[in-house]
Amino acid sequence: MALVEDRDGNPLDISPKTRTIPAGVRRALNARDGCCRWPGCGQTRFRDAHHLLFWEDGGEHRLDNLASCAGAITAWCTRAASG
């Protein structure tokens, strides 16, 4: 599957009907990030896609609202944001 962008190079939006990030968006995220985005981490395997604005709070499945994070860091971010 190819990454589909508009004429300005912006990825097309996908309406979030479920919390699960669509496979095409996840592939685009992995291609963009390459490793965990947490400063200093650099983990290239065992990463999760993480909504920067939580899906429950209206966060969409757009690349500008997603980041690749190592599993342990995703859990820490979730606890930090909710507590």
Protein backbone atom coordinates (compact mmCIF):
# COMPACT_ATOMS: atom_id res chain seq x y z
CA MET A 1 0.00 0.00 0.00
CA ALA A 2 1.31 3.44 -0.90
CA LEU A 3 1.08 6.45 1.37
CA VAL A 4 -1.54 8.78 -0.12
CA GLU A 5 -0.89 12.48 0.36
CA ASP A 6 -2.54 15.65 -0.84
CA ARG A 7 -0.76 17.94 -3.30
CA ASP A 8 1.04 19.74 -0.42
CA GLY A 9 2.44 16.47 0.96
CA ASN A 10 0.04 16.23 3.92
CA PRO A 11 -1.32 12.76 4.74
CA LEU A 12 -5.05 12.31 4.23
CA ASP A 13 -7.15 12.20 7.39
CA ILE A 14 -9.03 9.09 8.50
CA SER A 15 -12.11 9.46 10.67
CA PRO A 16 -11.66 7.62 13.99
CA LYS A 17 -14.69 5.36 14.39
CA THR A 18 -12.73 2.98 16.63
CA ARG A 19 -9.67 3.36 18.82
CA THR A 20 -7.64 0.97 16.67
CA ILE A 21 -5.29 2.76 14.30
CA PRO A 22 -5.81 1.54 10.71
CA ALA A 23 -3.00 -0.59 9.26
CA GLY A 24 -2.18 1.93 6.52
CA VAL A 25 -1.82 4.77 9.02
CA ARG A 26 0.34 2.55 11.27
CA ARG A 27 2.63 1.74 8.30
CA ALA A 28 2.93 5.44 7.48
CA LEU A 29 3.71 6.18 11.16
CA ASN A 30 6.41 3.50 11.24
CA ALA A 31 7.90 4.85 8.02
CA ARG A 32 7.91 8.40 9.39
CA ASP A 33 9.22 7.69 12.89
CA GLY A 34 11.56 4.72 12.43
CA CYS A 35 12.05 4.43 16.20
CA CYS A 36 10.54 5.47 19.53
CA ARG A 37 10.01 9.25 19.55
CA TRP A 38 10.74 9.61 23.28
CA PRO A 39 13.91 11.73 23.57
CA GLY A 40 16.94 9.47 23.98
CA CYS A 41 15.07 6.17 23.58
CA GLY A 42 15.64 5.17 19.95
CA GLN A 43 13.98 1.72 20.34
CA THR A 44 13.30 0.38 16.85
CA ARG A 45 11.33 -2.75 17.83
CA PHE A 46 8.33 -3.44 20.06
CA ARG A 47 6.77 -0.01 19.56
CA ASP A 48 3.16 1.06 19.95
CA ALA A 49 1.31 3.79 18.11
CA HIS A 50 0.31 6.40 20.69
CA HIS A 51 -2.34 9.12 20.32
CA LEU A 52 -0.94 12.46 21.51
CA LEU A 53 -4.48 13.68 22.14
CA PHE A 54 -6.22 10.57 23.49
CA TRP A 55 -8.78 8.99 21.17
CA GLU A 56 -11.37 9.16 24.00
CA ASP A 57 -10.85 12.93 24.10
CA GLY A 58 -11.39 13.37 20.36
CA GLY A 59 -7.86 12.54 19.17
CA GLU A 60 -7.88 11.49 15.54
CA HIS A 61 -5.88 8.85 13.69
CA ARG A 62 -3.79 11.47 11.87
CA LEU A 63 -0.01 11.34 11.69
CA ASP A 64 0.23 14.73 13.39
CA ASN A 65 -1.61 13.22 16.40
CA LEU A 66 0.39 9.97 16.57
CA ALA A 67 3.84 8.97 17.73
CA SER A 68 5.70 5.67 17.89
CA CYS A 69 6.63 4.84 21.48
CA ALA A 70 8.33 1.85 23.07
CA GLY A 71 5.81 -0.18 25.09
CA ALA A 72 7.11 0.84 28.53
CA ILE A 73 7.15 4.52 27.56
CA THR A 74 3.57 4.37 26.23
CA ALA A 75 2.42 3.01 29.60
CA TRP A 76 4.30 5.79 31.42
CA CYS A 77 2.82 8.49 29.16
CA THR A 78 -0.69 7.16 29.75
CA ARG A 79 -0.22 7.15 33.54
CA ALA A 80 1.36 10.62 33.52
CA ALA A 81 -1.42 12.12 31.40
CA SER A 82 -4.22 10.61 33.48
CA GLY A 83 -2.78 11.29 36.92
